[in-house]
C-alpha atoms as a PDB file:
ATOM      1  CA  MET A   1      79.655  -4.583 -38.187  1.00  0.00           C
ATOM      2  CA  ILE A   2      83.185  -3.603 -39.317  1.00  0.00           C
ATOM      3  CA  ALA A   3      84.404  -5.585 -42.288  1.00  0.00           C
ATOM      4  CA  GLN A   4      87.876  -4.057 -42.613  1.00  0.00           C
ATOM      5  CA  VAL A   5      90.196  -1.172 -41.768  1.00  0.00           C
ATOM      6  CA  ARG A   6      92.487   0.054 -44.502  1.00  0.00           C
ATOM      7  CA  ARG A   7      94.444   2.956 -45.745  1.00  0.00           C
ATOM      8  CA  ILE A   8      92.614   5.358 -48.075  1.00  0.00           C
ATOM      9  CA  ARG A   9      93.452   5.719 -51.799  1.00  0.00           C
ATOM     10  CA  ALA A  10      94.033   9.080 -53.452  1.00  0.00           C
ATOM     11  CA  ASP A  11      91.124   8.563 -55.811  1.00  0.00           C
ATOM     12  CA  GLU A  12      88.733   8.267 -52.845  1.00  0.00           C
ATOM     13  CA  TRP A  13      88.867  12.017 -52.069  1.00  0.00           C
ATOM     14  CA  ILE A  14      85.042  12.424 -52.299  1.00  0.00           C
ATOM     15  CA  ARG A  15      84.572   9.795 -49.626  1.00  0.00           C
ATOM     16  CA  VAL A  16      87.360  11.372 -47.545  1.00  0.00           C
ATOM     17  CA  ARG A  17      85.451  14.695 -47.757  1.00  0.00           C
ATOM     18  CA  ASP A  18      82.118  13.196 -46.998  1.00  0.00           C
ATOM     19  CA  LEU A  19      83.369  11.340 -43.900  1.00  0.00           C
ATOM     20  CA  ARG A  20      85.079  14.440 -42.609  1.00  0.00           C
ATOM     21  CA  LEU A  21      81.886  16.495 -43.096  1.00  0.00           C
ATOM     22  CA  HIS A  22      79.977  13.747 -41.240  1.00  0.00           C
ATOM     23  CA  ALA A  23      82.484  13.894 -38.386  1.00  0.00           C
ATOM     24  CA  LEU A  24      82.216  17.663 -38.154  1.00  0.00           C
ATOM     25  CA  GLN A  25      78.445  17.320 -37.576  1.00  0.00           C
ATOM     26  CA  ASP A  26      78.964  15.167 -34.445  1.00  0.00           C
ATOM     27  CA  PRO A  27      77.547  16.820 -31.267  1.00  0.00           C
ATOM     28  CA  VAL A  28      81.076  17.115 -29.804  1.00  0.00           C
ATOM     29  CA  ALA A  29      82.777  18.279 -32.994  1.00  0.00           C
ATOM     30  CA  ALA A  30      83.382  21.767 -31.529  1.00  0.00           C
ATOM     31  CA  ILE A  31      85.711  20.314 -28.886  1.00  0.00           C
ATOM     32  CA  ALA A  32      86.932  17.281 -30.857  1.00  0.00           C
ATOM     33  CA  PHE A  33      88.252  18.908 -34.086  1.00  0.00           C
ATOM     34  CA  LEU A  34      90.180  22.078 -34.878  1.00  0.00           C
ATOM     35  CA  ASP A  35      87.826  22.662 -37.808  1.00  0.00           C
ATOM     36  CA  THR A  36      84.157  23.405 -38.478  1.00  0.00           C
ATOM     37  CA  PHE A  37      81.560  21.976 -40.808  1.00  0.00           C
ATOM     38  CA  GLU A  38      81.173  25.421 -42.350  1.00  0.00           C
ATOM     39  CA  ASN A  39      84.893  25.807 -43.067  1.00  0.00           C
ATOM     40  CA  ALA A  40      85.400  22.302 -44.378  1.00  0.00           C
ATOM     41  CA  SER A  41      82.335  22.321 -46.594  1.00  0.00           C
ATOM     42  CA  ALA A  42      83.561  25.503 -48.218  1.00  0.00           C
ATOM     43  CA  GLN A  43      86.847  23.940 -49.273  1.00  0.00           C
ATOM     44  CA  PRO A  44      87.283  23.386 -53.062  1.00  0.00           C
ATOM     45  CA  ASP A  45      87.713  19.941 -54.615  1.00  0.00           C
ATOM     46  CA  GLU A  46      91.440  20.537 -55.004  1.00  0.00           C
ATOM     47  CA  PHE A  47      91.794  20.787 -51.195  1.00  0.00           C
ATOM     48  CA  TRP A  48      90.158  17.391 -50.679  1.00  0.00           C
ATOM     49  CA  GLN A  49      92.123  15.820 -53.563  1.00  0.00           C
ATOM     50  CA  ALA A  50      95.410  16.979 -52.087  1.00  0.00           C
ATOM     51  CA  ARG A  51      94.350  15.871 -48.563  1.00  0.00           C
ATOM     52  CA  ALA A  52      93.563  12.404 -49.808  1.00  0.00           C
ATOM     53  CA  ALA A  53      96.675  12.136 -51.907  1.00  0.00           C
ATOM     54  CA  ASN A  54      98.963  13.174 -48.969  1.00  0.00           C
ATOM     55  CA  ALA A  55      97.379  10.592 -46.679  1.00  0.00           C
ATOM     56  CA  ALA A  56      97.138   7.714 -49.205  1.00  0.00           C
ATOM     57  CA  ASP A  57     100.833   7.132 -50.002  1.00  0.00           C
ATOM     58  CA  GLY A  58     104.194   7.703 -48.540  1.00  0.00           C
ATOM     59  CA  ASP A  59     105.699   7.883 -45.037  1.00  0.00           C
ATOM     60  CA  THR A  60     104.663  11.382 -43.839  1.00  0.00           C
ATOM     61  CA  ALA A  61     100.971  10.677 -43.074  1.00  0.00           C
ATOM     62  CA  ALA A  62      98.446   7.909 -43.432  1.00  0.00           C
ATOM     63  CA  GLN A  63      94.634   8.038 -43.141  1.00  0.00           C
ATOM     64  CA  PHE A  64      92.809   4.822 -42.287  1.00  0.00           C
ATOM     65  CA  VAL A  65      89.141   4.134 -42.628  1.00  0.00           C
ATOM     66  CA  ALA A  66      86.844   1.579 -41.011  1.00  0.00           C
ATOM     67  CA  VAL A  67      84.578   0.080 -43.575  1.00  0.00           C
ATOM     68  CA  ALA A  68      81.285  -1.601 -42.664  1.00  0.00           C
ATOM     69  CA  GLU A  69      80.018  -4.751 -44.327  1.00  0.00           C
ATOM     70  CA  ASP A  70      77.761  -2.611 -46.602  1.00  0.00           C
ATOM     71  CA  ASP A  71      80.898  -0.641 -47.762  1.00  0.00           C
ATOM     72  CA  GLU A  72      79.921   2.425 -45.654  1.00  0.00           C
ATOM     73  CA  TRP A  73      82.910   4.319 -44.342  1.00  0.00           C
ATOM     74  CA  CYS A  74      82.110   4.513 -40.668  1.00  0.00           C
ATOM     75  CA  GLY A  75      85.285   5.602 -38.974  1.00  0.00           C
ATOM     76  CA  THR A  76      88.652   7.191 -39.554  1.00  0.00           C
ATOM     77  CA  ALA A  77      92.003   8.130 -37.980  1.00  0.00           C
ATOM     78  CA  THR A  78      95.029   9.842 -39.414  1.00  0.00           C
ATOM     79  CA  VAL A  79      98.595   9.385 -38.168  1.00  0.00           C
ATOM     80  CA  LEU A  80     101.617  11.560 -38.889  1.00  0.00           C
ATOM     81  CA  GLY A  81     104.998  12.348 -37.479  1.00  0.00           C
ATOM     82  CA  HIS A  82     104.657  14.373 -34.260  1.00  0.00           C
ATOM     83  CA  ARG A  83     105.436  18.043 -34.585  1.00  0.00           C
ATOM     84  CA  ASP A  84     107.478  18.111 -31.354  1.00  0.00           C
ATOM     85  CA  ALA A  85     108.880  14.631 -30.797  1.00  0.00           C
ATOM     86  CA  THR A  86     110.696  12.711 -33.539  1.00  0.00           C
ATOM     87  CA  ASP A  87     110.109   9.339 -31.896  1.00  0.00           C
ATOM     88  CA  SER A  88     106.340   9.831 -31.586  1.00  0.00           C
ATOM     89  CA  ALA A  89     103.574   9.541 -34.152  1.00  0.00           C
ATOM     90  CA  LEU A  90     100.532  11.855 -33.723  1.00  0.00           C
ATOM     91  CA  VAL A  91      97.022  10.542 -34.279  1.00  0.00           C
ATOM     92  CA  VAL A  92      94.475  13.140 -35.378  1.00  0.00           C
ATOM     93  CA  GLY A  93      91.000  13.271 -36.835  1.00  0.00           C
ATOM     94  CA  VAL A  94      89.650  10.238 -34.974  1.00  0.00           C
ATOM     95  CA  PHE A  95      86.002   9.593 -35.604  1.00  0.00           C
ATOM     96  CA  VAL A  96      83.567   6.643 -35.499  1.00  0.00           C
ATOM     97  CA  ALA A  97      79.992   7.173 -36.611  1.00  0.00           C
ATOM     98  CA  GLU A  98      77.559   6.861 -33.690  1.00  0.00           C
ATOM     99  CA  GLN A  99      75.698   3.842 -35.117  1.00  0.00           C
ATOM    100  CA  HIS A 100      79.004   1.942 -35.380  1.00  0.00           C
ATOM    101  CA  ARG A 101      80.462   2.685 -31.940  1.00  0.00           C
ATOM    102  CA  GLY A 102      81.117  -0.391 -29.854  1.00  0.00           C
ATOM    103  CA  GLU A 103      81.843  -2.594 -32.886  1.00  0.00           C
ATOM    104  CA  GLY A 104      85.629  -2.505 -32.552  1.00  0.00           C
ATOM    105  CA  ALA A 105      86.258   0.165 -35.215  1.00  0.00           C
ATOM    106  CA  ILE A 106      88.285   2.480 -32.960  1.00  0.00           C
ATOM    107  CA  GLU A 107      90.455  -0.409 -31.750  1.00  0.00           C
ATOM    108  CA  ALA A 108      91.099  -1.535 -35.301  1.00  0.00           C
ATOM    109  CA  LEU A 109      91.864   2.010 -36.453  1.00  0.00           C
ATOM    110  CA  PHE A 110      94.382   2.497 -33.670  1.00  0.00           C
ATOM    111  CA  ASP A 111      95.970  -0.876 -34.399  1.00  0.00           C
ATOM    112  CA  GLU A 112      96.533   0.183 -38.048  1.00  0.00           C
ATOM    113  CA  CYS A 113      97.919   3.503 -36.920  1.00  0.00           C
ATOM    114  CA  ALA A 114     100.267   1.633 -34.479  1.00  0.00           C
ATOM    115  CA  THR A 115     101.454  -0.826 -37.212  1.00  0.00           C
ATOM    116  CA  TRP A 116     102.089   1.988 -39.727  1.00  0.00           C
ATOM    117  CA  SER A 117     103.949   3.997 -37.082  1.00  0.00           C
ATOM    118  CA  ALA A 118     106.102   1.099 -35.755  1.00  0.00           C
ATOM    119  CA  GLU A 119     107.126   0.245 -39.310  1.00  0.00           C
ATOM    120  CA  ARG A 120     108.489   3.733 -39.652  1.00  0.00           C
ATOM    121  CA  GLY A 121     110.476   3.557 -36.404  1.00  0.00           C
ATOM    122  CA  PHE A 122     108.227   5.482 -34.086  1.00  0.00           C
ATOM    123  CA  THR A 123     108.102   4.289 -30.477  1.00  0.00           C
ATOM    124  CA  GLU A 124     104.744   5.672 -29.353  1.00  0.00           C
ATOM    125  CA  LEU A 125     101.415   6.988 -30.549  1.00  0.00           C
ATOM    126  CA  VAL A 126     100.354  10.345 -29.142  1.00  0.00           C
ATOM    127  CA  LEU A 127      97.044  12.128 -29.307  1.00  0.00           C
ATOM    128  CA  GLU A 128      95.391  15.127 -27.735  1.00  0.00           C
ATOM    129  CA  VAL A 129      91.890  15.057 -26.382  1.00  0.00           C
ATOM    130  CA  HIS A 130      89.817  17.898 -25.054  1.00  0.00           C
ATOM    131  CA  VAL A 131      89.552  17.893 -21.260  1.00  0.00           C
ATOM    132  CA  ASP A 132      85.729  17.981 -21.521  1.00  0.00           C
ATOM    133  CA  ASN A 133      85.474  15.030 -24.051  1.00  0.00           C
ATOM    134  CA  ALA A 134      84.962  12.237 -21.566  1.00  0.00           C
ATOM    135  CA  ARG A 135      83.533   9.855 -24.218  1.00  0.00           C
ATOM    136  CA  ALA A 136      86.672  10.041 -26.293  1.00  0.00           C
ATOM    137  CA  GLN A 137      89.005   9.838 -23.255  1.00  0.00           C
ATOM    138  CA  ALA A 138      87.334   6.643 -22.173  1.00  0.00           C
ATOM    139  CA  ALA A 139      87.625   5.157 -25.689  1.00  0.00           C
ATOM    140  CA  TYR A 140      91.294   6.045 -25.879  1.00  0.00           C
ATOM    141  CA  GLU A 141      91.965   4.510 -22.500  1.00  0.00           C
ATOM    142  CA  ARG A 142      90.314   1.257 -23.632  1.00  0.00           C
ATOM    143  CA  CYS A 143      92.739   1.373 -26.565  1.00  0.00           C
ATOM    144  CA  GLY A 144      95.869   1.522 -24.328  1.00  0.00           C
ATOM    145  CA  PHE A 145      96.386   5.278 -24.215  1.00  0.00           C
ATOM    146  CA  VAL A 146      97.317   6.906 -20.887  1.00  0.00           C
ATOM    147  CA  ARG A 147      97.560  10.535 -19.911  1.00  0.00           C
ATOM    148  CA  THR A 148     101.156  11.866 -19.937  1.00  0.00           C
ATOM    149  CA  GLY A 149     100.478  14.669 -17.464  1.00  0.00           C
ATOM    150  CA  GLN A 150     100.869  17.262 -20.217  1.00  0.00           C
ATOM    151  CA  ILE A 151      98.062  19.624 -21.167  1.00  0.00           C
ATOM    152  CA  THR A 152      98.132  21.628 -24.360  1.00  0.00           C
ATOM    153  CA  GLU A 153      96.277  24.781 -25.217  1.00  0.00           C
ATOM    154  CA  GLN A 154      94.463  24.664 -28.582  1.00  0.00           C
ATOM    155  CA  GLU A 155      92.013  26.845 -30.353  1.00  0.00           C
ATOM    156  CA  ASN A 156      89.187  24.835 -28.873  1.00  0.00           C
ATOM    157  CA  GLY A 157      90.567  24.826 -25.268  1.00  0.00           C
ATOM    158  CA  ARG A 158      92.714  22.629 -23.066  1.00  0.00           C
ATOM    159  CA  GLU A 159      93.592  19.112 -24.176  1.00  0.00           C
ATOM    160  CA  TYR A 160      95.137  16.159 -22.363  1.00  0.00           C
ATOM    161  CA  VAL A 161      98.085  14.600 -24.089  1.00  0.00           C
ATOM    162  CA  MET A 162      97.727  10.772 -24.104  1.00  0.00           C
ATOM    163  CA  ALA A 163     100.271   8.209 -25.289  1.00  0.00           C
ATOM    164  CA  ARG A 164     100.411   4.541 -26.184  1.00  0.00           C
ATOM    165  CA  PRO A 165     103.756   2.754 -26.467  1.00  0.00           C
ATOM    166  CA  LEU A 166     104.580   0.892 -29.636  1.00  0.00           C
ATOM    167  CA  ILE A 167     106.513  -2.328 -30.174  1.00  0.00           C
ATOM    168  CA  PRO A 168     109.149  -1.479 -32.785  1.00  0.00           C
ATOM    169  CA  ALA A 169     108.768  -3.378 -36.049  1.00  0.00           C
ATOM    170  CA  ALA A 170     111.556  -5.776 -37.030  1.00  0.00           C
ATOM    171  CA  ARG A 171     113.712  -4.264 -39.689  1.00  0.00           C
END
């Protein structure tokens, strides 16, 4: 059961690394992530320290983790400003460990991403999902994402662009 969803801290870089390596071992990792276990596991500690520091503080990116009751990190999502649309926040690196799927982790992760994004003035969350990743597409649809009609070409193949509108935060 999911106990909380929260933003990572910079000093948690080892847990950030371990969760990413876990995600990259998922059976659909080849179409879900633009990275491989082999590449990520070869990165030096400084890479992971910088990655965690960049996602722990500030307004350019935020990584959230779902934490189980036993303090296991069982899910993650990262949100950042979209590379092509200044009013959109891009969600990347979405992962929930198999044994914790169906417990509300993905919904809670997206809600945190939405809150963070709305507080920074973004009006929608956007993500890209491989056309062959039906499991992820279904999960994203349950969380309020709809296909925009756009398809991108990535290193891992064609991906649907999906979006979820945000309610702007009061300023």
